[in-house]
Amino acid sequence: MAQAGLSFFISPAPMLDALRRPLRWLLRRASRSCRHTPEGRIYLGDGQPVMVFPAFGGGPESTAGLRGILAEAGFAAYDWGLGVDTGCAERGLNQRLRRLEEQVIEVFEAERRAVTLLGWGLSGVYAREVAKRTSPLVRQVITLSTPFNTAADPSRQCAMLRSLESSHARIEAAVRHRLRQRPPVPCTSIYSTSDGVVPWEMCVENESAMSENVQVPAATHLELAAHPKVLEIVTDRLAQPENEWRPFHA
């Protein structure tokens, strides 16, 4: 018995298994299907649901092309269901988030799978906030040039965030602090230093085991949703195995 116990403790099996785990993940990642295009690559899905939020000032038409590409790649792409995003100063952020909670629940019940929330510009703020409220139903959050890092805008110059303010009240300090807090799900923030609308510094947060910042070269704010590198990053994130989120690597 003593010899058996000793051989258990000096067995190399646990060490070998620890070495195999990252190798297994790399092999799974390498085996994932993708489609090569003249502009880049698009990873293919198996019906993973994603709710796509529009650009500020736009509605379903602003994300129609992106949703079409995602659907063609095998993902279940949904519009956010609230029409044109003109901000929410008059009715308030909390009312907007309550309506979006209902949309997330509807998609989850229809698909029976956790939903990825993909927000563009200001709507990425909604995506992050609603993920905090419905995290068991949300798989991850992906944002395109979203100004959530209010600490990078101490003078409150970001016009996009001002659309959350009413004519008689600015965003409270507590709300600005809340916007900086990461949701309890994996988060990918995609940004470009050539954005021209949102200061790129406002799109960056501290990276962790569940969060990342990915820079896309030479893309303006309105070009992001159709940028080949963005499509590669987004589909790569969506096509990951469930519960095996890892940072993006080109």
Protein backbone atom coordinates (compact mmCIF):
# COMPACT_ATOMS: atom_id res chain seq x y z
CA MET A 1 0.00 0.00 0.00
CA ALA A 2 2.79 2.40 0.86
CA GLN A 3 4.43 1.83 -2.50
CA ALA A 4 1.16 2.41 -4.34
CA GLY A 5 0.63 5.66 -2.49
CA LEU A 6 4.14 6.83 -3.28
CA SER A 7 3.80 6.00 -6.97
CA PHE A 8 0.61 8.04 -7.10
CA PHE A 9 2.34 11.15 -5.82
CA ILE A 10 5.31 10.90 -8.16
CA SER A 11 3.20 9.98 -11.20
CA PRO A 12 3.80 12.38 -14.10
CA ALA A 13 0.16 12.07 -15.25
CA PRO A 14 -1.13 15.29 -13.61
CA MET A 15 1.81 17.24 -15.01
CA LEU A 16 1.32 15.81 -18.49
CA ASP A 17 -2.39 16.55 -18.35
CA ALA A 18 -1.65 20.17 -17.43
CA LEU A 19 0.61 20.41 -20.48
CA ARG A 20 -1.95 18.77 -22.75
CA ARG A 21 -4.79 21.15 -21.86
CA PRO A 22 -3.44 24.19 -23.76
CA LEU A 23 -2.46 21.88 -26.63
CA ARG A 24 -5.99 20.48 -26.81
CA TRP A 25 -7.36 24.02 -26.86
CA LEU A 26 -5.00 25.01 -29.68
CA LEU A 27 -5.99 21.95 -31.69
CA ARG A 28 -9.69 22.71 -31.21
CA ARG A 29 -9.10 26.32 -32.21
CA ALA A 30 -7.12 25.29 -35.29
CA SER A 31 -9.83 22.85 -36.34
CA ARG A 32 -12.63 25.41 -36.27
CA SER A 33 -14.13 26.04 -39.67
CA CYS A 34 -13.52 29.35 -41.38
CA ARG A 35 -14.16 30.86 -44.78
CA HIS A 36 -11.41 32.79 -46.52
CA THR A 37 -12.39 35.90 -48.47
CA PRO A 38 -10.25 38.31 -50.51
CA GLU A 39 -10.28 40.65 -47.49
CA GLY A 40 -9.66 38.12 -44.73
CA ARG A 41 -11.25 35.23 -42.91
CA ILE A 42 -14.64 34.64 -41.34
CA TYR A 43 -15.15 31.92 -38.77
CA LEU A 44 -18.24 29.76 -39.11
CA GLY A 45 -20.80 29.10 -36.41
CA ASP A 46 -23.39 26.51 -35.52
CA GLY A 47 -26.30 28.72 -34.62
CA GLN A 48 -24.82 30.70 -31.73
CA PRO A 49 -27.24 33.61 -31.06
CA VAL A 50 -26.04 37.21 -31.21
CA MET A 51 -28.07 40.38 -30.72
CA VAL A 52 -26.67 43.29 -32.73
CA PHE A 53 -27.24 46.83 -31.45
CA PRO A 54 -27.19 49.71 -33.99
CA ALA A 55 -24.86 52.63 -34.47
CA PHE A 56 -25.85 55.85 -32.71
CA GLY A 57 -28.44 57.63 -34.82
CA GLY A 58 -29.14 54.49 -36.83
CA GLY A 59 -31.62 51.65 -36.68
CA PRO A 60 -31.87 48.13 -38.08
CA GLU A 61 -30.57 49.30 -41.46
CA SER A 62 -27.22 50.29 -39.92
CA THR A 63 -26.51 46.70 -38.91
CA ALA A 64 -28.32 44.87 -41.74
CA GLY A 65 -25.08 44.16 -43.61
CA LEU A 66 -23.30 42.90 -40.50
CA ARG A 67 -26.24 40.72 -39.46
CA GLY A 68 -26.43 39.32 -42.97
CA ILE A 69 -22.76 38.32 -42.89
CA LEU A 70 -23.17 36.73 -39.46
CA ALA A 71 -26.26 34.81 -40.55
CA GLU A 72 -24.50 33.58 -43.68
CA ALA A 73 -21.60 32.42 -41.49
CA GLY A 74 -23.97 30.26 -39.45
CA PHE A 75 -24.84 32.47 -36.47
CA ALA A 76 -28.37 33.35 -35.36
CA ALA A 77 -28.21 37.16 -35.73
CA TYR A 78 -30.96 39.30 -34.18
CA ASP A 79 -31.69 43.02 -34.39
CA TRP A 80 -32.01 44.73 -31.02
CA GLY A 81 -35.71 45.40 -31.66
CA LEU A 82 -35.91 49.03 -30.50
CA GLY A 83 -35.71 50.90 -33.80
CA VAL A 84 -33.43 53.93 -34.15
CA ASP A 85 -31.02 54.76 -31.34
CA THR A 86 -31.30 58.47 -30.60
CA GLY A 87 -30.03 58.21 -27.04
CA CYS A 88 -32.25 57.91 -24.03
CA ALA A 89 -32.11 61.26 -22.27
CA GLU A 90 -35.86 61.84 -22.29
CA ARG A 91 -37.02 58.43 -21.10
CA GLY A 92 -33.92 57.53 -19.13
CA LEU A 93 -31.24 54.88 -19.32
CA ASN A 94 -32.94 52.50 -16.91
CA GLN A 95 -36.13 52.36 -18.99
CA ARG A 96 -34.08 51.61 -22.10
CA LEU A 97 -32.29 48.81 -20.27
CA ARG A 98 -35.56 47.29 -19.02
CA ARG A 99 -36.82 47.02 -22.59
CA LEU A 100 -33.55 45.46 -23.70
CA GLU A 101 -33.73 42.94 -20.88
CA GLU A 102 -37.02 41.76 -22.37
CA GLN A 103 -35.39 41.43 -25.80
CA VAL A 104 -32.53 39.36 -24.38
CA ILE A 105 -34.98 37.08 -22.58
CA GLU A 106 -36.97 36.58 -25.80
CA VAL A 107 -33.87 35.59 -27.78
CA PHE A 108 -32.68 33.29 -25.01
CA GLU A 109 -36.05 31.55 -24.82
CA ALA A 110 -36.17 31.18 -28.60
CA GLU A 111 -32.64 29.77 -28.91
CA ARG A 112 -32.17 28.08 -25.53
CA ARG A 113 -28.58 29.28 -25.60
CA ALA A 114 -26.77 32.18 -23.95
CA VAL A 115 -26.76 35.27 -26.14
CA THR A 116 -23.80 37.37 -27.27
CA LEU A 117 -24.50 41.12 -27.18
CA LEU A 118 -22.75 43.16 -29.88
CA GLY A 119 -22.97 46.93 -29.49
CA TRP A 120 -21.69 49.65 -31.82
CA GLY A 121 -20.79 53.05 -30.40
CA LEU A 122 -23.25 54.23 -27.75
CA SER A 123 -25.31 51.05 -27.99
CA GLY A 124 -22.30 49.16 -26.66
CA VAL A 125 -22.98 50.98 -23.38
CA TYR A 126 -26.48 49.48 -23.39
CA ALA A 127 -25.04 46.05 -24.20
CA ARG A 128 -22.63 46.20 -21.27
CA GLU A 129 -25.26 47.48 -18.86
CA VAL A 130 -27.95 44.97 -19.82
CA ALA A 131 -25.35 42.17 -19.51
CA LYS A 132 -24.89 43.21 -15.88
CA ARG A 133 -28.63 42.72 -15.34
CA THR A 134 -29.06 39.48 -17.28
CA SER A 135 -25.63 37.85 -17.00
CA PRO A 136 -26.91 34.24 -16.71
CA LEU A 137 -28.48 34.66 -20.15
CA VAL A 138 -25.52 36.48 -21.75
CA ARG A 139 -22.52 34.62 -23.09
CA GLN A 140 -20.26 37.61 -23.80
CA VAL A 141 -20.25 41.28 -24.81
CA ILE A 142 -18.49 42.63 -27.90
CA THR A 143 -18.32 46.38 -28.44
CA LEU A 144 -17.25 48.43 -31.45
CA SER A 145 -15.79 51.80 -30.47
CA THR A 146 -17.92 52.16 -27.33
CA PRO A 147 -17.10 55.05 -24.95
CA PHE A 148 -17.59 53.24 -21.64
CA ASN A 149 -14.33 54.38 -20.03
CA THR A 150 -15.59 57.70 -18.70
CA ALA A 151 -12.38 58.20 -16.69
CA ALA A 152 -10.64 58.91 -20.01
CA ASP A 153 -12.99 61.86 -20.58
CA PRO A 154 -12.71 63.95 -17.38
CA SER A 155 -13.98 67.11 -19.09
CA ARG A 156 -17.02 65.26 -20.47
CA GLN A 157 -16.37 66.16 -24.09
CA CYS A 158 -17.68 62.96 -25.69
CA ALA A 159 -20.78 64.08 -27.59
CA MET A 160 -22.07 60.53 -27.83
CA LEU A 161 -22.27 60.15 -24.05
CA ARG A 162 -24.02 63.51 -23.76
CA SER A 163 -26.99 61.90 -25.51
CA LEU A 164 -27.65 60.13 -22.21
CA GLU A 165 -28.14 63.48 -20.49
CA SER A 166 -31.41 65.36 -20.37
CA SER A 167 -31.60 69.07 -21.10
CA HIS A 168 -31.61 69.84 -17.37
CA ALA A 169 -29.32 67.19 -15.91
CA ARG A 170 -25.90 65.72 -16.63
CA ILE A 171 -25.00 62.08 -16.09
CA GLU A 172 -24.49 61.60 -12.38
CA ALA A 173 -20.99 60.75 -11.19
CA ALA A 174 -22.28 57.41 -9.86
CA VAL A 175 -23.64 56.50 -13.31
CA ARG A 176 -20.38 57.47 -15.03
CA HIS A 177 -18.56 55.26 -12.53
CA ARG A 178 -21.00 52.41 -13.21
CA LEU A 179 -20.40 52.61 -16.95
CA ARG A 180 -16.69 51.90 -16.39
CA GLN A 181 -17.40 48.67 -14.53
CA ARG A 182 -17.02 45.53 -16.63
CA PRO A 183 -19.99 43.14 -16.86
CA PRO A 184 -19.54 39.72 -15.19
CA VAL A 185 -19.12 38.03 -18.58
CA PRO A 186 -16.25 37.97 -21.10
CA CYS A 187 -15.84 41.31 -22.88
CA THR A 188 -14.07 42.25 -26.10
CA SER A 189 -13.65 45.94 -26.89
CA ILE A 190 -12.74 46.62 -30.52
CA TYR A 191 -11.49 50.13 -31.32
CA SER A 192 -9.52 52.18 -33.82
CA THR A 193 -7.24 55.12 -33.21
CA SER A 194 -8.57 56.49 -36.52
CA ASP A 195 -12.16 56.46 -35.24
CA GLY A 196 -12.79 60.19 -35.61
CA VAL A 197 -15.96 60.17 -33.48
CA VAL A 198 -15.15 58.46 -30.17
CA PRO A 199 -11.79 59.07 -28.45
CA TRP A 200 -10.14 55.66 -28.60
CA GLU A 201 -8.94 55.98 -25.00
CA MET A 202 -12.57 55.75 -23.89
CA CYS A 203 -12.84 52.28 -25.46
CA VAL A 204 -10.03 50.72 -23.44
CA GLU A 205 -10.26 49.06 -20.05
CA ASN A 206 -7.95 47.02 -17.87
CA GLU A 207 -7.40 43.63 -19.45
CA SER A 208 -8.05 40.52 -17.40
CA ALA A 209 -8.80 36.83 -17.78
CA MET A 210 -12.26 37.87 -19.02
CA SER A 211 -11.63 41.11 -20.88
CA GLU A 212 -9.57 42.32 -23.82
CA ASN A 213 -9.00 45.35 -26.03
CA VAL A 214 -8.35 44.75 -29.72
CA GLN A 215 -7.17 47.57 -31.97
CA VAL A 216 -8.21 47.62 -35.62
CA PRO A 217 -5.97 49.63 -37.96
CA ALA A 218 -7.19 52.47 -40.17
CA ALA A 219 -10.92 52.31 -39.54
CA THR A 220 -13.31 55.21 -39.00
CA HIS A 221 -16.30 54.88 -36.70
CA LEU A 222 -18.79 54.25 -39.51
CA GLU A 223 -16.48 51.74 -41.23
CA LEU A 224 -16.09 49.48 -38.23
CA ALA A 225 -19.05 47.15 -38.76
CA ALA A 226 -17.87 46.25 -42.28
CA HIS A 227 -14.12 46.25 -41.63
CA PRO A 228 -12.59 42.85 -42.59
CA LYS A 229 -10.55 42.66 -39.39
CA VAL A 230 -13.61 43.42 -37.28
CA LEU A 231 -15.52 40.63 -39.04
CA GLU A 232 -12.68 38.21 -38.31
CA ILE A 233 -12.52 39.20 -34.65
CA VAL A 234 -16.29 39.12 -34.13
CA THR A 235 -16.81 35.75 -35.81
CA ASP A 236 -13.78 34.32 -33.98
CA ARG A 237 -15.32 35.39 -30.67
CA LEU A 238 -18.72 33.97 -31.60
CA ALA A 239 -17.34 30.65 -32.84
CA GLN A 240 -15.41 29.85 -29.67
CA PRO A 241 -16.52 26.69 -27.83
CA GLU A 242 -19.05 27.38 -25.08
CA ASN A 243 -17.46 28.25 -21.72
CA GLU A 244 -13.96 28.32 -23.24
CA TRP A 245 -13.46 32.03 -23.84
CA ARG A 246 -9.88 33.04 -24.59
CA PRO A 247 -8.37 36.36 -25.76
CA PHE A 248 -8.22 36.93 -29.48
CA HIS A 249 -4.99 36.07 -31.27
CA ALA A 250 -4.54 36.97 -34.92
